[in-house]
PDB file of all heavy atoms in Angstrom:
ATOM      1  N   GLU A   1       0.838  -1.211  -0.007  1.00  0.00           N
ATOM      2  CA  GLU A   1      -0.009  -0.003   0.008  1.00  0.00           C
ATOM      3  C   GLU A   1       0.881   1.250  -0.008  1.00  0.00           C
ATOM      4  O   GLU A   1       0.521   2.261  -0.641  1.00  0.00           O
ATOM      5  CB  GLU A   1      -0.953  -0.032   1.201  1.00  0.00           C
ATOM      6  CG  GLU A   1      -2.035  -1.062   1.096  1.00  0.00           C
ATOM      7  CD  GLU A   1      -2.781  -1.281   2.392  1.00  0.00           C
ATOM      8  OE1 GLU A   1      -2.205  -1.021   3.480  1.00  0.00           O
ATOM      9  OE2 GLU A   1      -3.959  -1.705   2.346  1.00  0.00           O
ATOM     10  N   LEU A   2       1.986   1.211   0.708  1.00  0.00           N
ATOM     11  CA  LEU A   2       2.900   2.347   0.709  1.00  0.00           C
ATOM     12  C   LEU A   2       3.460   2.574  -0.674  1.00  0.00           C
ATOM     13  O   LEU A   2       3.586   3.718  -1.129  1.00  0.00           O
ATOM     14  CB  LEU A   2       4.040   2.096   1.695  1.00  0.00           C
ATOM     15  CG  LEU A   2       3.834   2.495   3.152  1.00  0.00           C
ATOM     16  CD1 LEU A   2       5.069   2.147   3.958  1.00  0.00           C
ATOM     17  CD2 LEU A   2       3.492   3.961   3.282  1.00  0.00           C
ATOM     18  N   THR A   3       3.823   1.516  -1.351  1.00  0.00           N
ATOM     19  CA  THR A   3       4.338   1.641  -2.713  1.00  0.00           C
ATOM     20  C   THR A   3       3.297   2.311  -3.595  1.00  0.00           C
ATOM     21  O   THR A   3       3.619   3.205  -4.391  1.00  0.00           O
ATOM     22  CB  THR A   3       4.695   0.249  -3.290  1.00  0.00           C
ATOM     23  OG1 THR A   3       5.798  -0.278  -2.545  1.00  0.00           O
ATOM     24  CG2 THR A   3       5.051   0.339  -4.751  1.00  0.00           C
ATOM     25  N   GLN A   4       2.032   1.924  -3.443  1.00  0.00           N
ATOM     26  CA  GLN A   4       0.973   2.545  -4.248  1.00  0.00           C
ATOM     27  C   GLN A   4       0.844   4.027  -3.926  1.00  0.00           C
ATOM     28  O   GLN A   4       0.638   4.842  -4.848  1.00  0.00           O
ATOM     29  CB  GLN A   4      -0.341   1.805  -3.988  1.00  0.00           C
ATOM     30  CG  GLN A   4      -1.486   2.337  -4.855  1.00  0.00           C
ATOM     31  CD  GLN A   4      -1.208   2.250  -6.327  1.00  0.00           C
ATOM     32  OE1 GLN A   4      -0.617   1.277  -6.778  1.00  0.00           O
ATOM     33  NE2 GLN A   4      -1.628   3.239  -7.099  1.00  0.00           N
ATOM     34  N   MET A   5       0.951   4.392  -2.669  1.00  0.00           N
ATOM     35  CA  MET A   5       0.867   5.811  -2.284  1.00  0.00           C
ATOM     36  C   MET A   5       2.026   6.623  -2.889  1.00  0.00           C
ATOM     37  O   MET A   5       1.833   7.730  -3.358  1.00  0.00           O
ATOM     38  CB  MET A   5       0.887   5.951  -0.766  1.00  0.00           C
ATOM     39  CG  MET A   5      -0.376   5.498  -0.064  1.00  0.00           C
ATOM     40  SD  MET A   5      -1.846   6.506  -0.445  1.00  0.00           S
ATOM     41  CE  MET A   5      -2.648   5.475  -1.669  1.00  0.00           C
ATOM     42  N   ASN A   6       3.221   6.045  -2.854  1.00  0.00           N
ATOM     43  CA  ASN A   6       4.363   6.725  -3.449  1.00  0.00           C
ATOM     44  C   ASN A   6       4.177   6.900  -4.949  1.00  0.00           C
ATOM     45  O   ASN A   6       4.475   7.983  -5.494  1.00  0.00           O
ATOM     46  CB  ASN A   6       5.652   5.984  -3.124  1.00  0.00           C
ATOM     47  CG  ASN A   6       6.152   6.224  -1.710  1.00  0.00           C
ATOM     48  OD1 ASN A   6       6.562   7.345  -1.395  1.00  0.00           O
ATOM     49  ND2 ASN A   6       6.122   5.221  -0.872  1.00  0.00           N
ATOM     50  N   LEU A   7       3.694   5.851  -5.604  1.00  0.00           N
ATOM     51  CA  LEU A   7       3.451   5.969  -7.043  1.00  0.00           C
ATOM     52  C   LEU A   7       2.371   7.008  -7.328  1.00  0.00           C
ATOM     53  O   LEU A   7       2.476   7.830  -8.248  1.00  0.00           O
ATOM     54  CB  LEU A   7       2.982   4.596  -7.577  1.00  0.00           C
ATOM     55  CG  LEU A   7       4.018   3.479  -7.624  1.00  0.00           C
ATOM     56  CD1 LEU A   7       3.364   2.157  -7.983  1.00  0.00           C
ATOM     57  CD2 LEU A   7       5.121   3.814  -8.648  1.00  0.00           C
ATOM     58  N   GLN A   8       1.315   6.982  -6.537  1.00  0.00           N
ATOM     59  CA  GLN A   8       0.207   7.915  -6.752  1.00  0.00           C
ATOM     60  C   GLN A   8       0.631   9.351  -6.553  1.00  0.00           C
ATOM     61  O   GLN A   8       0.137  10.253  -7.242  1.00  0.00           O
ATOM     62  CB  GLN A   8      -0.948   7.523  -5.814  1.00  0.00           C
ATOM     63  CG  GLN A   8      -2.257   8.243  -6.135  1.00  0.00           C
ATOM     64  CD  GLN A   8      -3.382   7.676  -5.277  1.00  0.00           C
ATOM     65  OE1 GLN A   8      -3.328   6.559  -4.767  1.00  0.00           O
ATOM     66  NE2 GLN A   8      -4.437   8.457  -5.149  1.00  0.00           N
ATOM     67  N   SER A   9       1.523   9.579  -5.595  1.00  0.00           N
ATOM     68  CA  SER A   9       1.994  10.938  -5.334  1.00  0.00           C
ATOM     69  C   SER A   9       2.698  11.516  -6.555  1.00  0.00           C
ATOM     70  O   SER A   9       2.567  12.721  -6.856  1.00  0.00           O
ATOM     71  CB  SER A   9       2.937  10.963  -4.122  1.00  0.00           C
ATOM     72  OG  SER A   9       4.207  10.397  -4.460  1.00  0.00           O
ATOM     73  N   ILE A  10       3.437  10.692  -7.260  1.00  0.00           N
ATOM     74  CA  ILE A  10       4.150  11.161  -8.462  1.00  0.00           C
ATOM     75  C   ILE A  10       3.198  11.419  -9.608  1.00  0.00           C
ATOM     76  O   ILE A  10       3.334  12.395 -10.373  1.00  0.00           O
ATOM     77  CB  ILE A  10       5.256  10.185  -8.864  1.00  0.00           C
ATOM     78  CG1 ILE A  10       6.223   9.974  -7.702  1.00  0.00           C
ATOM     79  CG2 ILE A  10       5.998  10.670 -10.098  1.00  0.00           C
ATOM     80  CD1 ILE A  10       6.877  11.235  -7.191  1.00  0.00           C
ATOM     81  N   VAL A  11       2.195  10.581  -9.754  1.00  0.00           N
ATOM     82  CA  VAL A  11       1.176  10.779 -10.788  1.00  0.00           C
ATOM     83  C   VAL A  11       0.499  12.143 -10.579  1.00  0.00           C
ATOM     84  O   VAL A  11       0.266  12.887 -11.544  1.00  0.00           O
ATOM     85  CB  VAL A  11       0.137   9.648 -10.752  1.00  0.00           C
ATOM     86  CG1 VAL A  11      -1.046   9.987 -11.698  1.00  0.00           C
ATOM     87  CG2 VAL A  11       0.763   8.324 -11.199  1.00  0.00           C
ATOM     88  N   LEU A  12       0.200  12.469  -9.336  1.00  0.00           N
ATOM     89  CA  LEU A  12      -0.401  13.782  -9.045  1.00  0.00           C
ATOM     90  C   LEU A  12       0.478  14.916  -9.540  1.00  0.00           C
ATOM     91  O   LEU A  12       0.004  15.866 -10.180  1.00  0.00           O
ATOM     92  CB  LEU A  12      -0.640  13.897  -7.537  1.00  0.00           C
ATOM     93  CG  LEU A  12      -1.095  15.281  -7.018  1.00  0.00           C
ATOM     94  CD1 LEU A  12      -2.478  15.592  -7.492  1.00  0.00           C
ATOM     95  CD2 LEU A  12      -1.001  15.321  -5.491  1.00  0.00           C
ATOM     96  N   LEU A  13       1.762  14.824  -9.219  1.00  0.00           N
ATOM     97  CA  LEU A  13       2.705  15.913  -9.626  1.00  0.00           C
ATOM     98  C   LEU A  13       2.911  15.925 -11.128  1.00  0.00           C
ATOM     99  O   LEU A  13       3.103  17.004 -11.722  1.00  0.00           O
ATOM    100  CB  LEU A  13       4.016  15.722  -8.882  1.00  0.00           C
ATOM    101  CG  LEU A  13       3.959  15.775  -7.360  1.00  0.00           C
ATOM    102  CD1 LEU A  13       5.352  15.710  -6.764  1.00  0.00           C
ATOM    103  CD2 LEU A  13       3.216  17.013  -6.860  1.00  0.00           C
ATOM    104  N   GLN A  14       2.885  14.786 -11.767  1.00  0.00           N
ATOM    105  CA  GLN A  14       3.025  14.717 -13.210  1.00  0.00           C
ATOM    106  C   GLN A  14       1.864  15.423 -13.903  1.00  0.00           C
ATOM    107  O   GLN A  14       2.041  16.082 -14.929  1.00  0.00           O
ATOM    108  CB  GLN A  14       3.165  13.292 -13.690  1.00  0.00           C
ATOM    109  CG  GLN A  14       4.507  12.663 -13.335  1.00  0.00           C
ATOM    110  CD  GLN A  14       4.559  11.163 -13.590  1.00  0.00           C
ATOM    111  OE1 GLN A  14       3.534  10.486 -13.649  1.00  0.00           O
ATOM    112  NE2 GLN A  14       5.774  10.620 -13.687  1.00  0.00           N
ATOM    113  N   ASP A  15       0.656  15.273 -13.343  1.00  0.00           N
ATOM    114  CA  ASP A  15      -0.507  15.968 -13.910  1.00  0.00           C
ATOM    115  C   ASP A  15      -0.352  17.471 -13.781  1.00  0.00           C
ATOM    116  O   ASP A  15      -0.681  18.207 -14.728  1.00  0.00           O
ATOM    117  CB  ASP A  15      -1.765  15.511 -13.165  1.00  0.00           C
ATOM    118  CG  ASP A  15      -2.197  14.108 -13.521  1.00  0.00           C
ATOM    119  OD1 ASP A  15      -1.709  13.582 -14.552  1.00  0.00           O
ATOM    120  OD2 ASP A  15      -3.016  13.522 -12.771  1.00  0.00           O
ATOM    121  N   ILE A  16       0.175  17.927 -12.666  1.00  0.00           N
ATOM    122  CA  ILE A  16       0.370  19.358 -12.476  1.00  0.00           C
ATOM    123  C   ILE A  16       1.479  19.864 -13.416  1.00  0.00           C
ATOM    124  O   ILE A  16       1.361  20.939 -13.998  1.00  0.00           O
ATOM    125  CB  ILE A  16       0.749  19.657 -11.013  1.00  0.00           C
ATOM    126  CG1 ILE A  16      -0.425  19.288 -10.095  1.00  0.00           C
ATOM    127  CG2 ILE A  16       1.144  21.125 -10.822  1.00  0.00           C
ATOM    128  CD1 ILE A  16      -0.114  19.338  -8.589  1.00  0.00           C
ATOM    129  N   ARG A  17       2.528  19.081 -13.603  1.00  0.00           N
ATOM    130  CA  ARG A  17       3.589  19.462 -14.545  1.00  0.00           C
ATOM    131  C   ARG A  17       3.009  19.624 -15.946  1.00  0.00           C
ATOM    132  O   ARG A  17       3.337  20.569 -16.661  1.00  0.00           O
ATOM    133  CB  ARG A  17       4.721  18.459 -14.540  1.00  0.00           C
ATOM    134  CG  ARG A  17       5.734  18.754 -15.666  1.00  0.00           C
ATOM    135  CD  ARG A  17       7.073  18.109 -15.425  1.00  0.00           C
ATOM    136  NE  ARG A  17       7.020  16.662 -15.483  1.00  0.00           N
ATOM    137  CZ  ARG A  17       8.091  15.895 -15.245  1.00  0.00           C
ATOM    138  NH1 ARG A  17       9.264  16.448 -14.929  1.00  0.00           N
ATOM    139  NH2 ARG A  17       7.994  14.594 -15.286  1.00  0.00           N
ATOM    140  N   HIS A  18       2.174  18.681 -16.343  1.00  0.00           N
ATOM    141  CA  HIS A  18       1.570  18.761 -17.677  1.00  0.00           C
ATOM    142  C   HIS A  18       0.780  20.053 -17.845  1.00  0.00           C
ATOM    143  O   HIS A  18       0.748  20.644 -18.977  1.00  0.00           O
ATOM    144  CB  HIS A  18       0.651  17.547 -17.911  1.00  0.00           C
ATOM    145  CG  HIS A  18      -0.012  17.535 -19.250  1.00  0.00           C
ATOM    146  ND1 HIS A  18       0.671  17.206 -20.419  1.00  0.00           N
ATOM    147  CD2 HIS A  18      -1.308  17.817 -19.615  1.00  0.00           C
ATOM    148  CE1 HIS A  18      -0.171  17.280 -21.432  1.00  0.00           C
ATOM    149  NE2 HIS A  18      -1.364  17.653 -20.985  1.00  0.00           N
ATOM    150  N   GLU A  19       0.190  20.541 -16.794  1.00  0.00           N
ATOM    151  CA  GLU A  19      -0.615  21.747 -16.859  1.00  0.00           C
ATOM    152  C   GLU A  19       0.234  23.003 -16.908  1.00  0.00           C
ATOM    153  O   GLU A  19      -0.135  23.992 -17.584  1.00  0.00           O
ATOM    154  CB  GLU A  19      -1.539  21.804 -15.638  1.00  0.00           C
ATOM    155  CG  GLU A  19      -2.435  23.017 -15.577  1.00  0.00           C
ATOM    156  CD  GLU A  19      -3.348  23.008 -14.346  1.00  0.00           C
ATOM    157  OE1 GLU A  19      -3.425  21.988 -13.670  1.00  0.00           O
ATOM    158  OE2 GLU A  19      -3.988  24.071 -14.080  1.00  0.00           O
ATOM    159  N   TYR A  20       1.367  23.025 -16.241  1.00  0.00           N
ATOM    160  CA  TYR A  20       2.139  24.249 -16.060  1.00  0.00           C
ATOM    161  C   TYR A  20       3.435  24.342 -16.881  1.00  0.00           C
ATOM    162  O   TYR A  20       3.883  25.464 -17.196  1.00  0.00           O
ATOM    163  CB  TYR A  20       2.496  24.420 -14.582  1.00  0.00           C
ATOM    164  CG  TYR A  20       1.383  24.927 -13.736  1.00  0.00           C
ATOM    165  CD1 TYR A  20       0.501  24.041 -13.095  1.00  0.00           C
ATOM    166  CD2 TYR A  20       1.176  26.288 -13.518  1.00  0.00           C
ATOM    167  CE1 TYR A  20      -0.531  24.485 -12.310  1.00  0.00           C
ATOM    168  CE2 TYR A  20       0.128  26.763 -12.734  1.00  0.00           C
ATOM    169  CZ  TYR A  20      -0.741  25.835 -12.123  1.00  0.00           C
ATOM    170  OH  TYR A  20      -1.751  26.313 -11.344  1.00  0.00           O
ATOM    171  N   GLN A  21       4.038  23.246 -17.222  1.00  0.00           N
ATOM    172  CA  GLN A  21       5.370  23.334 -17.789  1.00  0.00           C
ATOM    173  C   GLN A  21       5.412  24.021 -19.138  1.00  0.00           C
ATOM    174  O   GLN A  21       4.549  23.803 -19.961  1.00  0.00           O
ATOM    175  CB  GLN A  21       6.003  21.943 -17.887  1.00  0.00           C
ATOM    176  CG  GLN A  21       7.445  21.963 -18.425  1.00  0.00           C
ATOM    177  CD  GLN A  21       8.175  20.667 -18.112  1.00  0.00           C
ATOM    178  OE1 GLN A  21       8.917  20.615 -17.161  1.00  0.00           O
ATOM    179  NE2 GLN A  21       7.935  19.635 -18.927  1.00  0.00           N
ATOM    180  N   SER A  22       6.428  24.831 -19.324  1.00  0.00           N
ATOM    181  CA  SER A  22       6.652  25.518 -20.618  1.00  0.00           C
ATOM    182  C   SER A  22       8.159  25.784 -20.751  1.00  0.00           C
ATOM    183  O   SER A  22       8.960  25.420 -19.850  1.00  0.00           O
ATOM    184  CB  SER A  22       5.910  26.852 -20.655  1.00  0.00           C
ATOM    185  OG  SER A  22       6.487  27.770 -19.701  1.00  0.00           O
ATOM    186  N   GLN A  23       8.585  26.365 -21.847  1.00  0.00           N
ATOM    187  CA  GLN A  23       9.984  26.635 -22.047  1.00  0.00           C
ATOM    188  C   GLN A  23      10.540  27.607 -20.993  1.00  0.00           C
ATOM    189  O   GLN A  23      11.709  27.553 -20.652  1.00  0.00           O
ATOM    190  CB  GLN A  23      10.226  27.215 -23.442  1.00  0.00           C
ATOM    191  CG  GLN A  23      10.054  26.186 -24.552  1.00  0.00           C
ATOM    192  CD  GLN A  23      10.421  26.746 -25.908  1.00  0.00           C
ATOM    193  OE1 GLN A  23      10.449  27.960 -26.116  1.00  0.00           O
ATOM    194  NE2 GLN A  23      10.727  25.856 -26.839  1.00  0.00           N
ATOM    195  N   THR A  24       9.691  28.467 -20.502  1.00  0.00           N
ATOM    196  CA  THR A  24      10.120  29.426 -19.484  1.00  0.00           C
ATOM    197  C   THR A  24       9.816  29.008 -18.082  1.00  0.00           C
ATOM    198  O   THR A  24      10.197  29.675 -17.116  1.00  0.00           O
ATOM    199  CB  THR A  24       9.475  30.801 -19.751  1.00  0.00           C
ATOM    200  OG1 THR A  24       8.040  30.648 -19.746  1.00  0.00           O
ATOM    201  CG2 THR A  24       9.925  31.385 -21.080  1.00  0.00           C
ATOM    202  N   LEU A  25       9.081  27.885 -17.933  1.00  0.00           N
ATOM    203  CA  LEU A  25       8.743  27.390 -16.614  1.00  0.00           C
ATOM    204  C   LEU A  25       9.020  25.887 -16.529  1.00  0.00           C
ATOM    205  O   LEU A  25       8.123  25.070 -16.652  1.00  0.00           O
ATOM    206  CB  LEU A  25       7.265  27.679 -16.279  1.00  0.00           C
ATOM    207  CG  LEU A  25       6.832  27.714 -14.807  1.00  0.00           C
ATOM    208  CD1 LEU A  25       5.468  28.321 -14.656  1.00  0.00           C
ATOM    209  CD2 LEU A  25       6.851  26.328 -14.171  1.00  0.00           C
ATOM    210  N   PRO A  26      10.274  25.539 -16.318  1.00  0.00           N
ATOM    211  CA  PRO A  26      10.595  24.117 -16.162  1.00  0.00           C
ATOM    212  C   PRO A  26      10.062  23.579 -14.852  1.00  0.00           C
ATOM    213  O   PRO A  26      10.077  24.266 -13.810  1.00  0.00           O
ATOM    214  CB  PRO A  26      12.120  24.081 -16.190  1.00  0.00           C
ATOM    215  CG  PRO A  26      12.520  25.465 -15.746  1.00  0.00           C
ATOM    216  CD  PRO A  26      11.471  26.368 -16.253  1.00  0.00           C
ATOM    217  N   VAL A  27       9.519  22.363 -14.877  1.00  0.00           N
ATOM    218  CA  VAL A  27       8.976  21.718 -13.663  1.00  0.00           C
ATOM    219  C   VAL A  27       9.722  20.402 -13.473  1.00  0.00           C
ATOM    220  O   VAL A  27       9.688  19.532 -14.344  1.00  0.00           O
ATOM    221  CB  VAL A  27       7.476  21.494 -13.818  1.00  0.00           C
ATOM    222  CG1 VAL A  27       6.937  20.780 -12.564  1.00  0.00           C
ATOM    223  CG2 VAL A  27       6.709  22.791 -14.033  1.00  0.00           C
ATOM    224  N   ILE A  28      10.347  20.278 -12.311  1.00  0.00           N
ATOM    225  CA  ILE A  28      11.070  19.055 -11.942  1.00  0.00           C
ATOM    226  C   ILE A  28      10.304  18.365 -10.833  1.00  0.00           C
ATOM    227  O   ILE A  28       9.825  19.003  -9.909  1.00  0.00           O
ATOM    228  CB  ILE A  28      12.510  19.422 -11.461  1.00  0.00           C
ATOM    229  CG1 ILE A  28      13.289  20.071 -12.575  1.00  0.00           C
ATOM    230  CG2 ILE A  28      13.214  18.175 -10.953  1.00  0.00           C
ATOM    231  CD1 ILE A  28      14.604  20.683 -12.124  1.00  0.00           C
ATOM    232  N   ILE A  29      10.184  17.049 -10.951  1.00  0.00           N
ATOM    233  CA  ILE A  29       9.479  16.288  -9.935  1.00  0.00           C
ATOM    234  C   ILE A  29      10.443  15.501  -9.105  1.00  0.00           C
ATOM    235  O   ILE A  29      11.268  14.718  -9.606  1.00  0.00           O
ATOM    236  CB  ILE A  29       8.440  15.319 -10.613  1.00  0.00           C
ATOM    237  CG1 ILE A  29       7.385  16.155 -11.329  1.00  0.00           C
ATOM    238  CG2 ILE A  29       7.820  14.414  -9.567  1.00  0.00           C
ATOM    239  CD1 ILE A  29       6.401  15.329 -12.122  1.00  0.00           C
ATOM    240  N   SER A  30      10.324  15.690  -7.786  1.00  0.00           N
ATOM    241  CA  SER A  30      11.214  15.026  -6.819  1.00  0.00           C
ATOM    242  C   SER A  30      10.415  14.126  -5.921  1.00  0.00           C
ATOM    243  O   SER A  30       9.356  14.501  -5.397  1.00  0.00           O
ATOM    244  CB  SER A  30      11.977  16.052  -5.998  1.00  0.00           C
ATOM    245  OG  SER A  30      12.688  15.454  -4.952  1.00  0.00           O
ATOM    246  N   GLY A  31      10.914  12.909  -5.716  1.00  0.00           N
ATOM    247  CA  GLY A  31      10.313  12.002  -4.728  1.00  0.00           C
ATOM    248  C   GLY A  31      10.921  12.269  -3.369  1.00  0.00           C
ATOM    249  O   GLY A  31      12.132  12.119  -3.176  1.00  0.00           O
ATOM    250  N   CYS A  32      10.099  12.646  -2.410  1.00  0.00           N
ATOM    251  CA  CYS A  32      10.612  13.058  -1.097  1.00  0.00           C
ATOM    252  C   CYS A  32      10.734  11.863  -0.166  1.00  0.00           C
ATOM    253  O   CYS A  32       9.785  11.108   0.043  1.00  0.00           O
ATOM    254  CB  CYS A  32       9.692  14.089  -0.490  1.00  0.00           C
ATOM    255  SG  CYS A  32      10.235  14.720   1.129  1.00  0.00           S
ATOM    256  N   LEU A  33      11.915  11.714   0.448  1.00  0.00           N
ATOM    257  CA  LEU A  33      12.174  10.731   1.478  1.00  0.00           C
ATOM    258  C   LEU A  33      12.362  11.459   2.803  1.00  0.00           C
ATOM    259  O   LEU A  33      12.972  12.515   2.854  1.00  0.00           O
ATOM    260  CB  LEU A  33      13.453   9.977   1.178  1.00  0.00           C
ATOM    261  CG  LEU A  33      13.620   9.263  -0.172  1.00  0.00           C
ATOM    262  CD1 LEU A  33      15.014   8.708  -0.285  1.00  0.00           C
ATOM    263  CD2 LEU A  33      12.599   8.136  -0.287  1.00  0.00           C
ATOM    264  N   GLY A  34      11.836  10.838   3.872  1.00  0.00           N
ATOM    265  CA  GLY A  34      12.083  11.368   5.190  1.00  0.00           C
ATOM    266  C   GLY A  34      12.928  10.392   6.017  1.00  0.00           C
ATOM    267  O   GLY A  34      13.163   9.264   5.581  1.00  0.00           O
ATOM    268  N   PRO A  35      13.370  10.810   7.163  1.00  0.00           N
ATOM    269  CA  PRO A  35      14.186   9.913   8.001  1.00  0.00           C
ATOM    270  C   PRO A  35      13.362   8.756   8.569  1.00  0.00           C
ATOM    271  O   PRO A  35      12.131   8.907   8.722  1.00  0.00           O
ATOM    272  CB  PRO A  35      14.700  10.864   9.114  1.00  0.00           C
ATOM    273  CG  PRO A  35      13.601  11.888   9.222  1.00  0.00           C
ATOM    274  CD  PRO A  35      13.128  12.098   7.825  1.00  0.00           C
ATOM    275  N   ARG A  36      14.013   7.691   8.884  1.00  0.00           N
ATOM    276  CA  ARG A  36      13.342   6.541   9.478  1.00  0.00           C
ATOM    277  C   ARG A  36      12.842   6.906  10.878  1.00  0.00           C
ATOM    278  O   ARG A  36      11.724   6.534  11.274  1.00  0.00           O
ATOM    279  CB  ARG A  36      14.267   5.344   9.550  1.00  0.00           C
ATOM    280  CG  ARG A  36      13.596   4.124  10.178  1.00  0.00           C
ATOM    281  CD  ARG A  36      14.499   2.905  10.173  1.00  0.00           C
ATOM    282  NE  ARG A  36      13.792   1.729  10.614  1.00  0.00           N
ATOM    283  CZ  ARG A  36      14.334   0.479  10.599  1.00  0.00           C
ATOM    284  NH1 ARG A  36      15.591   0.300  10.177  1.00  0.00           N
ATOM    285  NH2 ARG A  36      13.621  -0.538  11.013  1.00  0.00           N
ATOM    286  N   ASP A  37      13.643   7.651  11.616  1.00  0.00           N
ATOM    287  CA  ASP A  37      13.310   7.985  12.983  1.00  0.00           C
ATOM    288  C   ASP A  37      12.842   9.456  13.069  1.00  0.00           C
ATOM    289  O   ASP A  37      12.581  10.063  12.032  1.00  0.00           O
ATOM    290  CB  ASP A  37      14.556   7.749  13.887  1.00  0.00           C
ATOM    291  CG  ASP A  37      14.190   7.398  15.315  1.00  0.00           C
ATOM    292  OD1 ASP A  37      13.136   7.817  15.787  1.00  0.00           O
ATOM    293  OD2 ASP A  37      14.971   6.696  15.966  1.00  0.00           O
ATOM    294  N   ASP A  38      12.766   9.965  14.248  1.00  0.00           N
ATOM    295  CA  ASP A  38      12.351  11.350  14.449  1.00  0.00           C
ATOM    296  C   ASP A  38      13.335  12.318  13.747  1.00  0.00           C
ATOM    297  O   ASP A  38      14.541  12.128  13.832  1.00  0.00           O
ATOM    298  CB  ASP A  38      12.313  11.643  15.945  1.00  0.00           C
ATOM    299  CG  ASP A  38      11.710  13.029  16.239  1.00  0.00           C
ATOM    300  OD1 ASP A  38      10.479  13.137  16.396  1.00  0.00           O
ATOM    301  OD2 ASP A  38      12.505  13.987  16.290  1.00  0.00           O
ATOM    302  N   GLY A  39      12.784  13.329  13.113  1.00  0.00           N
ATOM    303  CA  GLY A  39      13.612  14.289  12.394  1.00  0.00           C
ATOM    304  C   GLY A  39      14.346  15.254  13.246  1.00  0.00           C
ATOM    305  O   GLY A  39      15.232  15.989  12.760  1.00  0.00           O
ATOM    306  N   TYR A  40      14.039  15.308  14.528  1.00  0.00           N
ATOM    307  CA  TYR A  40      14.723  16.219  15.435  1.00  0.00           C
ATOM    308  C   TYR A  40      15.627  15.468  16.415  1.00  0.00           C
ATOM    309  O   TYR A  40      16.750  15.859  16.682  1.00  0.00           O
ATOM    310  CB  TYR A  40      13.713  17.034  16.243  1.00  0.00           C
ATOM    311  CG  TYR A  40      12.942  18.064  15.480  1.00  0.00           C
ATOM    312  CD1 TYR A  40      11.785  18.628  16.017  1.00  0.00           C
ATOM    313  CD2 TYR A  40      13.321  18.473  14.195  1.00  0.00           C
ATOM    314  CE1 TYR A  40      11.072  19.614  15.310  1.00  0.00           C
ATOM    315  CE2 TYR A  40      12.615  19.427  13.490  1.00  0.00           C
ATOM    316  CZ  TYR A  40      11.491  19.983  14.056  1.00  0.00           C
ATOM    317  OH  TYR A  40      10.761  20.937  13.365  1.00  0.00           O
ATOM    318  N   HIS A  41      15.097  14.373  16.954  1.00  0.00           N
ATOM    319  CA  HIS A  41      15.825  13.650  17.969  1.00  0.00           C
ATOM    320  C   HIS A  41      15.808  12.138  17.678  1.00  0.00           C
ATOM    321  O   HIS A  41      15.010  11.391  18.289  1.00  0.00           O
ATOM    322  CB  HIS A  41      15.183  13.895  19.371  1.00  0.00           C
ATOM    323  CG  HIS A  41      15.074  15.355  19.701  1.00  0.00           C
ATOM    324  ND1 HIS A  41      16.161  16.155  19.967  1.00  0.00           N
ATOM    325  CD2 HIS A  41      13.956  16.149  19.785  1.00  0.00           C
ATOM    326  CE1 HIS A  41      15.731  17.380  20.211  1.00  0.00           C
ATOM    327  NE2 HIS A  41      14.404  17.410  20.119  1.00  0.00           N
ATOM    328  N   PRO A  42      16.665  11.677  16.805  1.00  0.00           N
ATOM    329  CA  PRO A  42      16.664  10.239  16.473  1.00  0.00           C
ATOM    330  C   PRO A  42      17.083   9.392  17.687  1.00  0.00           C
ATOM    331  O   PRO A  42      18.067   9.711  18.347  1.00  0.00           O
ATOM    332  CB  PRO A  42      17.695  10.142  15.361  1.00  0.00           C
ATOM    333  CG  PRO A  42      18.585  11.317  15.563  1.00  0.00           C
ATOM    334  CD  PRO A  42      17.699  12.415  16.062  1.00  0.00           C
TER     335      PRO A  42
END
């Protein structure tokens, strides 16, 4: 299910890129990873 959520998140951003991207407005899509533990106090 997590894999599906990660895939779906990119599809969402790809749809937005299709709407906005132009020669003067490049759109790059990044897959965001977070830390395994707490981001402040691992």
